[in-house]
Amino acid sequence: MGAQPSRAAAKKKPAPRNRAKPGVREVLNSLRHIVRSLRVASRTAEQRVGLSGAQLFVLQCLARSSPCSVNELAGRTATDQSSVSVVVSRLVAAGHVRRVVSKADRRRVELTLTRTGSDLLEAAPEVAQDRLLVALEQLPKKDLQALSRILARVVQTAEVARETPALFFEEGPMLVRTKGPRRDA
C-alpha cells in the first residue's frame, strides 16, 4: 500500500477541470499573443543581426539616448538594473557597447554604442518590446495600475516569481554570436 500524499501536496495540486471559467481563455490568448510577438521578434533579430531581442532592445534604447548609466538604461527598458547589466555585459563583450568612466563624475560609468553596435541597428528589425511599452504607456493610469495589481496576483498565485525577471528572451549565459571578429572583454 502506497503512502498518502501530504496535505500540503494535496492542497497545491490543481483540481481537475472540464472547462475554464469564462474569460480565462481570452486572458490566456492575450498573453499568448504578447509572448508570441516577443518570441518571433527575438528570433527575427537573431537571424538578421545575431542578437537576441533583449540585446537589440538595449542597443536601440542606447541609440536614442546615450551616454547613460546602467540604472538609467534600466529605467528606459522598464526592467531591473541587474537584468540590464547582464545584457550590457554581453554587448560589451561582443564589442557593440562601450563602458567609459564619466569625465564629469569619475564614480559614474557611462554606456555608449560602438560603431559595430550602430551598424547592427541599421539592419535590425523592429523591437517588439518597444511596441509593448508604448501600448502600456498609452493606458490610462488607473487601468495600468489595475493591470499591474491583477498580474502581480496571478504571478503570486501561480508561484512563478522565483527570481528577478530578466528582459524578454534573454535567458542563458551565451551571447548570440554575430558575424565578424570575436572581441573578448
C-alpha atoms as a PDB file:
ATOM      1  CA  MET A   1       0.000   0.000   0.000  1.00  0.00           C
ATOM      2  CA  GLY A   2       1.477   3.411  -1.069  1.00  0.00           C
ATOM      3  CA  ALA A   3       1.962   6.444   1.100  1.00  0.00           C
ATOM      4  CA  GLN A   4      -0.775   9.042   1.186  1.00  0.00           C
ATOM      5  CA  PRO A   5       0.179  12.468  -0.192  1.00  0.00           C
ATOM      6  CA  SER A   6       0.771  15.123   2.433  1.00  0.00           C
ATOM      7  CA  ARG A   7      -1.895  17.781   2.993  1.00  0.00           C
ATOM      8  CA  ALA A   8       0.426  20.412   1.520  1.00  0.00           C
ATOM      9  CA  ALA A   9       0.956  18.362  -1.652  1.00  0.00           C
ATOM     10  CA  ALA A  10      -2.771  17.686  -1.959  1.00  0.00           C
ATOM     11  CA  LYS A  11      -3.505  21.369  -1.406  1.00  0.00           C
ATOM     12  CA  LYS A  12      -1.168  22.532  -4.214  1.00  0.00           C
ATOM     13  CA  LYS A  13      -2.457  20.058  -6.778  1.00  0.00           C
ATOM     14  CA  PRO A  14      -4.921  21.830  -9.080  1.00  0.00           C
ATOM     15  CA  ALA A  15      -8.401  20.417  -9.206  1.00  0.00           C
ATOM     16  CA  PRO A  16      -9.273  18.628 -12.450  1.00  0.00           C
ATOM     17  CA  ARG A  17     -11.395  20.813 -14.694  1.00  0.00           C
ATOM     18  CA  ASN A  18     -13.592  20.157 -17.617  1.00  0.00           C
ATOM     19  CA  ARG A  19     -13.752  23.776 -18.625  1.00  0.00           C
ATOM     20  CA  ALA A  20     -12.027  27.022 -17.635  1.00  0.00           C
ATOM     21  CA  LYS A  21     -14.015  29.906 -16.168  1.00  0.00           C
ATOM     22  CA  PRO A  22     -15.439  32.358 -18.701  1.00  0.00           C
ATOM     23  CA  GLY A  23     -12.785  34.911 -19.630  1.00  0.00           C
ATOM     24  CA  VAL A  24      -9.784  32.689 -18.838  1.00  0.00           C
ATOM     25  CA  ARG A  25      -9.358  31.709 -22.469  1.00  0.00           C
ATOM     26  CA  GLU A  26      -9.402  35.338 -23.593  1.00  0.00           C
ATOM     27  CA  VAL A  27      -6.801  36.320 -20.999  1.00  0.00           C
ATOM     28  CA  LEU A  28      -4.571  33.384 -21.928  1.00  0.00           C
ATOM     29  CA  ASN A  29      -4.958  34.180 -25.624  1.00  0.00           C
ATOM     30  CA  SER A  30      -3.901  37.787 -24.991  1.00  0.00           C
ATOM     31  CA  LEU A  31      -0.844  36.566 -23.091  1.00  0.00           C
ATOM     32  CA  ARG A  32      -0.118  34.087 -25.896  1.00  0.00           C
ATOM     33  CA  HIS A  33      -0.261  36.893 -28.481  1.00  0.00           C
ATOM     34  CA  ILE A  34       2.166  39.025 -26.457  1.00  0.00           C
ATOM     35  CA  VAL A  35       4.622  36.192 -25.803  1.00  0.00           C
ATOM     36  CA  ARG A  36       4.475  35.013 -29.424  1.00  0.00           C
ATOM     37  CA  SER A  37       5.122  38.536 -30.706  1.00  0.00           C
ATOM     38  CA  LEU A  38       8.137  38.867 -28.407  1.00  0.00           C
ATOM     39  CA  ARG A  39       9.453  35.405 -29.353  1.00  0.00           C
ATOM     40  CA  VAL A  40       9.064  35.991 -33.109  1.00  0.00           C
ATOM     41  CA  ALA A  41      10.732  39.411 -32.861  1.00  0.00           C
ATOM     42  CA  SER A  42      13.604  37.921 -30.873  1.00  0.00           C
ATOM     43  CA  ARG A  43      14.049  35.102 -33.378  1.00  0.00           C
ATOM     44  CA  THR A  44      13.996  37.603 -36.254  1.00  0.00           C
ATOM     45  CA  ALA A  45      16.645  39.716 -34.508  1.00  0.00           C
ATOM     46  CA  GLU A  46      18.829  36.630 -34.032  1.00  0.00           C
ATOM     47  CA  GLN A  47      18.503  35.696 -37.698  1.00  0.00           C
ATOM     48  CA  ARG A  48      19.063  39.208 -39.076  1.00  0.00           C
ATOM     49  CA  VAL A  49      21.699  40.688 -36.811  1.00  0.00           C
ATOM     50  CA  GLY A  50      22.822  37.878 -34.495  1.00  0.00           C
ATOM     51  CA  LEU A  51      21.409  39.436 -31.316  1.00  0.00           C
ATOM     52  CA  SER A  52      18.621  38.385 -29.003  1.00  0.00           C
ATOM     53  CA  GLY A  53      15.545  40.599 -28.861  1.00  0.00           C
ATOM     54  CA  ALA A  54      16.655  41.846 -25.435  1.00  0.00           C
ATOM     55  CA  GLN A  55      20.119  42.755 -26.717  1.00  0.00           C
ATOM     56  CA  LEU A  56      18.636  44.601 -29.673  1.00  0.00           C
ATOM     57  CA  PHE A  57      16.189  46.405 -27.373  1.00  0.00           C
ATOM     58  CA  VAL A  58      19.076  47.601 -25.174  1.00  0.00           C
ATOM     59  CA  LEU A  59      21.035  48.773 -28.236  1.00  0.00           C
ATOM     60  CA  GLN A  60      18.025  50.704 -29.506  1.00  0.00           C
ATOM     61  CA  CYS A  61      17.494  52.336 -26.108  1.00  0.00           C
ATOM     62  CA  LEU A  62      21.170  53.347 -26.062  1.00  0.00           C
ATOM     63  CA  ALA A  63      20.914  54.721 -29.604  1.00  0.00           C
ATOM     64  CA  ARG A  64      18.070  57.007 -28.526  1.00  0.00           C
ATOM     65  CA  SER A  65      19.887  58.425 -25.546  1.00  0.00           C
ATOM     66  CA  SER A  66      23.494  57.909 -24.691  1.00  0.00           C
ATOM     67  CA  PRO A  67      25.721  58.089 -22.899  1.00  0.00           C
ATOM     68  CA  CYS A  68      23.760  56.749 -19.957  1.00  0.00           C
ATOM     69  CA  SER A  69      24.344  54.639 -16.861  1.00  0.00           C
ATOM     70  CA  VAL A  70      23.099  51.102 -16.295  1.00  0.00           C
ATOM     71  CA  ASN A  71      20.497  52.480 -13.863  1.00  0.00           C
ATOM     72  CA  GLU A  72      19.232  54.970 -16.455  1.00  0.00           C
ATOM     73  CA  LEU A  73      19.113  52.191 -19.040  1.00  0.00           C
ATOM     74  CA  ALA A  74      17.134  50.010 -16.618  1.00  0.00           C
ATOM     75  CA  GLY A  75      14.594  52.815 -16.341  1.00  0.00           C
ATOM     76  CA  ARG A  76      14.344  53.141 -20.120  1.00  0.00           C
ATOM     77  CA  THR A  77      13.856  49.395 -20.568  1.00  0.00           C
ATOM     78  CA  ALA A  78      11.419  49.209 -17.615  1.00  0.00           C
ATOM     79  CA  THR A  79      13.382  46.396 -16.016  1.00  0.00           C
ATOM     80  CA  ASP A  80      15.673  45.635 -13.113  1.00  0.00           C
ATOM     81  CA  GLN A  81      19.225  47.025 -13.039  1.00  0.00           C
ATOM     82  CA  SER A  82      20.750  43.564 -12.602  1.00  0.00           C
ATOM     83  CA  SER A  83      18.934  42.231 -15.685  1.00  0.00           C
ATOM     84  CA  VAL A  84      20.106  45.128 -17.847  1.00  0.00           C
ATOM     85  CA  SER A  85      23.632  44.746 -16.509  1.00  0.00           C
ATOM     86  CA  VAL A  86      23.779  41.135 -17.732  1.00  0.00           C
ATOM     87  CA  VAL A  87      22.668  42.139 -21.231  1.00  0.00           C
ATOM     88  CA  VAL A  88      25.076  45.091 -21.290  1.00  0.00           C
ATOM     89  CA  SER A  89      27.977  42.841 -20.265  1.00  0.00           C
ATOM     90  CA  ARG A  90      27.231  40.552 -23.206  1.00  0.00           C
ATOM     91  CA  LEU A  91      27.053  43.508 -25.582  1.00  0.00           C
ATOM     92  CA  VAL A  92      30.322  44.919 -24.232  1.00  0.00           C
ATOM     93  CA  ALA A  93      31.988  41.510 -24.654  1.00  0.00           C
ATOM     94  CA  ALA A  94      30.807  41.423 -28.276  1.00  0.00           C
ATOM     95  CA  GLY A  95      32.122  44.931 -28.933  1.00  0.00           C
ATOM     96  CA  HIS A  96      28.719  46.563 -29.511  1.00  0.00           C
ATOM     97  CA  VAL A  97      28.685  48.721 -26.370  1.00  0.00           C
ATOM     98  CA  ARG A  98      31.477  50.614 -24.637  1.00  0.00           C
ATOM     99  CA  ARG A  99      31.725  51.300 -20.904  1.00  0.00           C
ATOM    100  CA  VAL A 100      33.557  54.543 -20.134  1.00  0.00           C
ATOM    101  CA  VAL A 101      34.192  56.320 -16.855  1.00  0.00           C
ATOM    102  CA  SER A 102      32.458  59.702 -16.993  1.00  0.00           C
ATOM    103  CA  LYS A 103      34.745  62.714 -17.341  1.00  0.00           C
ATOM    104  CA  ALA A 104      32.314  64.812 -15.289  1.00  0.00           C
ATOM    105  CA  ASP A 105      31.910  62.302 -12.426  1.00  0.00           C
ATOM    106  CA  ARG A 106      34.604  59.636 -12.023  1.00  0.00           C
ATOM    107  CA  ARG A 107      32.174  57.477  -9.979  1.00  0.00           C
ATOM    108  CA  ARG A 108      29.795  57.181 -12.933  1.00  0.00           C
ATOM    109  CA  VAL A 109      30.206  54.599 -15.698  1.00  0.00           C
ATOM    110  CA  GLU A 110      28.604  55.601 -18.971  1.00  0.00           C
ATOM    111  CA  LEU A 111      27.429  53.312 -21.735  1.00  0.00           C
ATOM    112  CA  THR A 112      27.680  54.236 -25.403  1.00  0.00           C
ATOM    113  CA  LEU A 113      27.229  52.388 -28.669  1.00  0.00           C
ATOM    114  CA  THR A 114      30.309  51.406 -30.616  1.00  0.00           C
ATOM    115  CA  ARG A 115      30.459  51.712 -34.374  1.00  0.00           C
ATOM    116  CA  THR A 116      29.594  47.993 -34.715  1.00  0.00           C
ATOM    117  CA  GLY A 117      26.619  48.491 -32.400  1.00  0.00           C
ATOM    118  CA  SER A 118      25.378  51.373 -34.541  1.00  0.00           C
ATOM    119  CA  ASP A 119      25.945  49.376 -37.723  1.00  0.00           C
ATOM    120  CA  LEU A 120      23.885  46.470 -36.356  1.00  0.00           C
ATOM    121  CA  LEU A 121      20.962  48.793 -35.722  1.00  0.00           C
ATOM    122  CA  GLU A 122      20.945  49.827 -39.385  1.00  0.00           C
ATOM    123  CA  ALA A 123      19.957  46.284 -40.404  1.00  0.00           C
ATOM    124  CA  ALA A 124      17.900  45.482 -37.312  1.00  0.00           C
ATOM    125  CA  PRO A 125      14.188  44.689 -37.307  1.00  0.00           C
ATOM    126  CA  GLU A 126      11.634  46.476 -35.140  1.00  0.00           C
ATOM    127  CA  VAL A 127      11.769  45.546 -31.462  1.00  0.00           C
ATOM    128  CA  ALA A 128       8.544  44.113 -30.027  1.00  0.00           C
ATOM    129  CA  GLN A 129       9.367  45.431 -26.550  1.00  0.00           C
ATOM    130  CA  ASP A 130       9.070  48.979 -27.904  1.00  0.00           C
ATOM    131  CA  ARG A 131       5.542  48.319 -29.154  1.00  0.00           C
ATOM    132  CA  LEU A 132       4.597  46.729 -25.835  1.00  0.00           C
ATOM    133  CA  LEU A 133       5.995  49.645 -23.805  1.00  0.00           C
ATOM    134  CA  VAL A 134       4.178  52.183 -25.971  1.00  0.00           C
ATOM    135  CA  ALA A 135       0.903  50.275 -25.664  1.00  0.00           C
ATOM    136  CA  LEU A 136       1.210  50.041 -21.871  1.00  0.00           C
ATOM    137  CA  GLU A 137       2.147  53.716 -21.552  1.00  0.00           C
ATOM    138  CA  GLN A 138      -0.964  54.665 -23.542  1.00  0.00           C
ATOM    139  CA  LEU A 139      -3.244  53.017 -20.988  1.00  0.00           C
ATOM    140  CA  PRO A 140      -4.975  55.343 -18.536  1.00  0.00           C
ATOM    141  CA  LYS A 141      -3.162  55.394 -15.185  1.00  0.00           C
ATOM    142  CA  LYS A 142      -5.979  53.581 -13.335  1.00  0.00           C
ATOM    143  CA  ASP A 143      -6.078  50.807 -15.978  1.00  0.00           C
ATOM    144  CA  LEU A 144      -2.313  50.369 -15.816  1.00  0.00           C
ATOM    145  CA  GLN A 145      -2.424  50.178 -12.018  1.00  0.00           C
ATOM    146  CA  ALA A 146      -5.287  47.654 -12.125  1.00  0.00           C
ATOM    147  CA  LEU A 147      -3.449  45.538 -14.705  1.00  0.00           C
ATOM    148  CA  SER A 148      -0.309  45.642 -12.577  1.00  0.00           C
ATOM    149  CA  ARG A 149      -2.182  44.527  -9.441  1.00  0.00           C
ATOM    150  CA  ILE A 150      -4.022  41.749 -11.256  1.00  0.00           C
ATOM    151  CA  LEU A 151      -0.920  40.377 -12.971  1.00  0.00           C
ATOM    152  CA  ALA A 152       1.023  40.523  -9.694  1.00  0.00           C
ATOM    153  CA  ARG A 153      -1.725  38.473  -8.051  1.00  0.00           C
ATOM    154  CA  VAL A 154      -1.675  35.938 -10.909  1.00  0.00           C
ATOM    155  CA  VAL A 155       2.132  35.645 -10.655  1.00  0.00           C
ATOM    156  CA  GLN A 156       1.913  35.146  -6.892  1.00  0.00           C
ATOM    157  CA  THR A 157      -0.931  32.619  -7.047  1.00  0.00           C
ATOM    158  CA  ALA A 158       0.725  30.655  -9.868  1.00  0.00           C
ATOM    159  CA  GLU A 159       4.005  30.741  -7.937  1.00  0.00           C
ATOM    160  CA  VAL A 160       6.059  31.690 -10.990  1.00  0.00           C
ATOM    161  CA  ALA A 161       8.114  34.533  -9.469  1.00  0.00           C
ATOM    162  CA  ARG A 162      11.196  32.665  -8.310  1.00  0.00           C
ATOM    163  CA  GLU A 163      13.849  35.213  -9.321  1.00  0.00           C
ATOM    164  CA  THR A 164      14.287  38.729 -10.676  1.00  0.00           C
ATOM    165  CA  PRO A 165      12.639  38.878 -14.088  1.00  0.00           C
ATOM    166  CA  ALA A 166      15.077  39.166 -16.987  1.00  0.00           C
ATOM    167  CA  LEU A 167      14.451  41.096 -20.156  1.00  0.00           C
ATOM    168  CA  PHE A 168      12.225  39.150 -22.523  1.00  0.00           C
ATOM    169  CA  PHE A 169      14.023  36.272 -24.263  1.00  0.00           C
ATOM    170  CA  GLU A 170      17.408  36.929 -22.696  1.00  0.00           C
ATOM    171  CA  GLU A 171      17.875  33.688 -20.856  1.00  0.00           C
ATOM    172  CA  GLY A 172      21.042  31.691 -20.795  1.00  0.00           C
ATOM    173  CA  PRO A 173      24.685  32.574 -20.484  1.00  0.00           C
ATOM    174  CA  MET A 174      25.620  32.842 -24.134  1.00  0.00           C
ATOM    175  CA  LEU A 175      25.542  35.811 -26.442  1.00  0.00           C
ATOM    176  CA  VAL A 176      24.294  35.051 -29.909  1.00  0.00           C
ATOM    177  CA  ARG A 177      27.452  35.426 -31.959  1.00  0.00           C
ATOM    178  CA  THR A 178      27.468  37.937 -34.754  1.00  0.00           C
ATOM    179  CA  LYS A 179      29.355  37.664 -37.993  1.00  0.00           C
ATOM    180  CA  GLY A 180      32.763  39.188 -37.782  1.00  0.00           C
ATOM    181  CA  PRO A 181      35.751  39.021 -35.468  1.00  0.00           C
ATOM    182  CA  ARG A 182      35.270  37.996 -31.876  1.00  0.00           C
ATOM    183  CA  ARG A 183      36.185  40.548 -29.256  1.00  0.00           C
ATOM    184  CA  ASP A 184      36.889  39.250 -25.793  1.00  0.00           C
ATOM    185  CA  ALA A 185      36.355  41.513 -22.790  1.00  0.00           C
END
